[in-house]
Amino acid sequence: MHQTWVLKESIIQRLSVFGRKILRKIFGPTKEDNGNWRIKTNIELDELIKHRNIINYVKAQRLSWFGHIHRMPETSSVKKIHKWKTFTGRPVGRPKSRWKDDVRNDLKNMKLVKWTEQVQERNC
């Protein structure tokens, strides 16, 4: 369930490296004019996949799941768990990134202000 992943920088880096490795296998090397073969650069790979990568896919799926949760009825167990608040505080120190924080950052980066209305206006 990649929709529920918390994407830390280390995970983003690992997924990006893995994705490029797979793309290099799929698209193979490039033959130059002088007859030599070379490995495609990251920029060439990015152009071949039209700037769609695994990180953007995970973020899109996470926002899709977020919208799905908000359209659920209040009696749904998934929605109850999503809205659940702990009785204790978070531990001292730097707070760990939460799924909710990642979704909030994604919404802010996309400059979505009225997301609650947009979630309800789902086009099937």
Protein backbone atom coordinates (compact mmCIF):
# COMPACT_ATOMS: atom_id res chain seq x y z
CA MET A 1 0.00 0.00 0.00
CA HIS A 2 2.21 2.78 -1.28
CA GLN A 3 -0.66 5.23 -0.68
CA THR A 4 0.17 5.16 3.03
CA TRP A 5 3.94 5.59 2.77
CA VAL A 6 5.67 8.42 4.56
CA LEU A 7 8.27 9.59 2.07
CA LYS A 8 11.49 10.47 3.84
CA GLU A 9 14.38 11.93 1.84
CA SER A 10 16.29 8.65 2.12
CA ILE A 11 13.34 6.69 0.72
CA ILE A 12 12.87 9.22 -2.10
CA GLN A 13 16.55 8.89 -2.99
CA ARG A 14 16.42 5.08 -2.97
CA LEU A 15 13.26 4.96 -5.09
CA SER A 16 14.73 7.42 -7.59
CA VAL A 17 17.94 5.42 -7.94
CA PHE A 18 16.02 2.16 -8.32
CA GLY A 19 13.66 3.71 -10.88
CA ARG A 20 16.54 5.01 -12.99
CA LYS A 21 18.27 1.63 -12.80
CA ILE A 22 15.17 -0.12 -14.12
CA LEU A 23 14.68 2.50 -16.85
CA ARG A 24 18.27 2.03 -18.01
CA LYS A 25 17.59 -1.70 -18.34
CA ILE A 26 14.33 -1.10 -20.22
CA PHE A 27 15.57 1.54 -22.67
CA GLY A 28 19.09 0.18 -23.00
CA PRO A 29 22.21 2.04 -24.16
CA THR A 30 22.40 4.67 -26.90
CA LYS A 31 24.52 4.18 -30.02
CA GLU A 32 26.46 7.31 -30.91
CA ASP A 33 27.52 8.44 -34.40
CA ASN A 34 31.03 7.09 -33.97
CA GLY A 35 29.69 3.59 -33.31
CA ASN A 36 30.27 3.59 -29.55
CA TRP A 37 27.58 2.70 -27.06
CA ARG A 38 26.88 4.79 -23.96
CA ILE A 39 24.48 4.66 -21.03
CA LYS A 40 21.60 7.15 -21.15
CA THR A 41 21.84 10.13 -18.81
CA ASN A 42 19.24 10.94 -16.15
CA ILE A 43 17.99 13.85 -18.29
CA GLU A 44 17.50 11.56 -21.31
CA LEU A 45 15.63 9.04 -19.17
CA ASP A 46 13.45 11.80 -17.73
CA GLU A 47 12.54 12.98 -21.23
CA LEU A 48 11.76 9.42 -22.35
CA ILE A 49 9.25 8.92 -19.53
CA LYS A 50 7.89 12.47 -19.99
CA HIS A 51 8.83 13.54 -16.45
CA ARG A 52 6.63 10.86 -14.82
CA ASN A 53 8.52 9.11 -12.04
CA ILE A 54 7.79 6.82 -9.12
CA ILE A 55 7.84 9.65 -6.55
CA ASN A 56 5.17 11.65 -8.38
CA TYR A 57 3.12 8.47 -8.78
CA VAL A 58 3.27 7.70 -5.05
CA LYS A 59 2.29 11.29 -4.21
CA ALA A 60 -0.65 11.18 -6.63
CA GLN A 61 -1.84 7.87 -5.19
CA ARG A 62 -1.49 9.24 -1.65
CA LEU A 63 -3.69 12.24 -2.53
CA SER A 64 -6.17 9.90 -4.20
CA TRP A 65 -6.37 7.80 -1.02
CA PHE A 66 -6.72 10.99 1.05
CA GLY A 67 -9.70 12.04 -1.07
CA HIS A 68 -11.17 8.57 -0.78
CA ILE A 69 -10.95 8.72 3.02
CA HIS A 70 -12.69 12.10 3.13
CA ARG A 71 -15.55 10.86 0.94
CA MET A 72 -16.15 7.85 3.24
CA PRO A 73 -19.09 7.92 5.64
CA GLU A 74 -18.34 8.92 9.22
CA THR A 75 -19.15 5.40 10.41
CA SER A 76 -16.34 3.84 8.33
CA SER A 77 -13.60 2.27 10.44
CA VAL A 78 -10.89 3.70 8.14
CA LYS A 79 -12.24 7.22 8.64
CA LYS A 80 -12.50 6.70 12.40
CA ILE A 81 -8.85 5.61 12.52
CA HIS A 82 -7.82 8.58 10.36
CA LYS A 83 -9.55 11.04 12.70
CA TRP A 84 -8.41 9.30 15.87
CA LYS A 85 -6.33 11.41 18.30
CA THR A 86 -3.90 9.91 20.79
CA PHE A 87 -4.24 10.63 24.48
CA THR A 88 -0.51 11.16 24.92
CA GLY A 89 1.78 13.70 23.33
CA ARG A 90 4.52 13.00 20.86
CA PRO A 91 7.99 12.14 22.20
CA VAL A 92 10.56 14.84 22.88
CA GLY A 93 12.94 15.68 20.06
CA ARG A 94 12.49 16.20 16.38
CA PRO A 95 9.05 14.93 15.42
CA LYS A 96 8.92 12.11 12.90
CA SER A 97 7.19 12.85 9.65
CA ARG A 98 3.61 11.63 9.54
CA TRP A 99 1.45 10.65 6.59
CA LYS A 100 -0.88 13.54 7.37
CA ASP A 101 2.06 15.97 7.25
CA ASP A 102 3.12 14.66 3.84
CA VAL A 103 -0.41 15.07 2.47
CA ARG A 104 -0.60 18.60 3.86
CA ASN A 105 2.73 19.46 2.20
CA ASP A 106 1.57 17.96 -1.11
CA LEU A 107 -1.61 20.03 -0.99
CA LYS A 108 0.39 23.16 -0.18
CA ASN A 109 2.88 22.50 -3.00
CA MET A 110 -0.01 22.06 -5.44
CA LYS A 111 -1.49 25.33 -4.10
CA LEU A 112 -4.83 23.67 -3.35
CA VAL A 113 -6.68 25.89 -0.91
CA LYS A 114 -10.26 24.59 -1.07
CA TRP A 115 -9.32 20.91 -1.17
CA THR A 116 -12.32 19.86 0.94
CA GLU A 117 -14.72 20.98 -1.80
CA GLN A 118 -12.54 19.54 -4.56
CA VAL A 119 -12.48 16.15 -2.80
CA GLN A 120 -16.29 16.01 -2.86
CA GLU A 121 -16.46 17.04 -6.56
CA ARG A 122 -15.03 13.77 -7.80
CA ASN A 123 -15.36 13.14 -11.54
CA CYS A 124 -15.94 9.45 -12.21
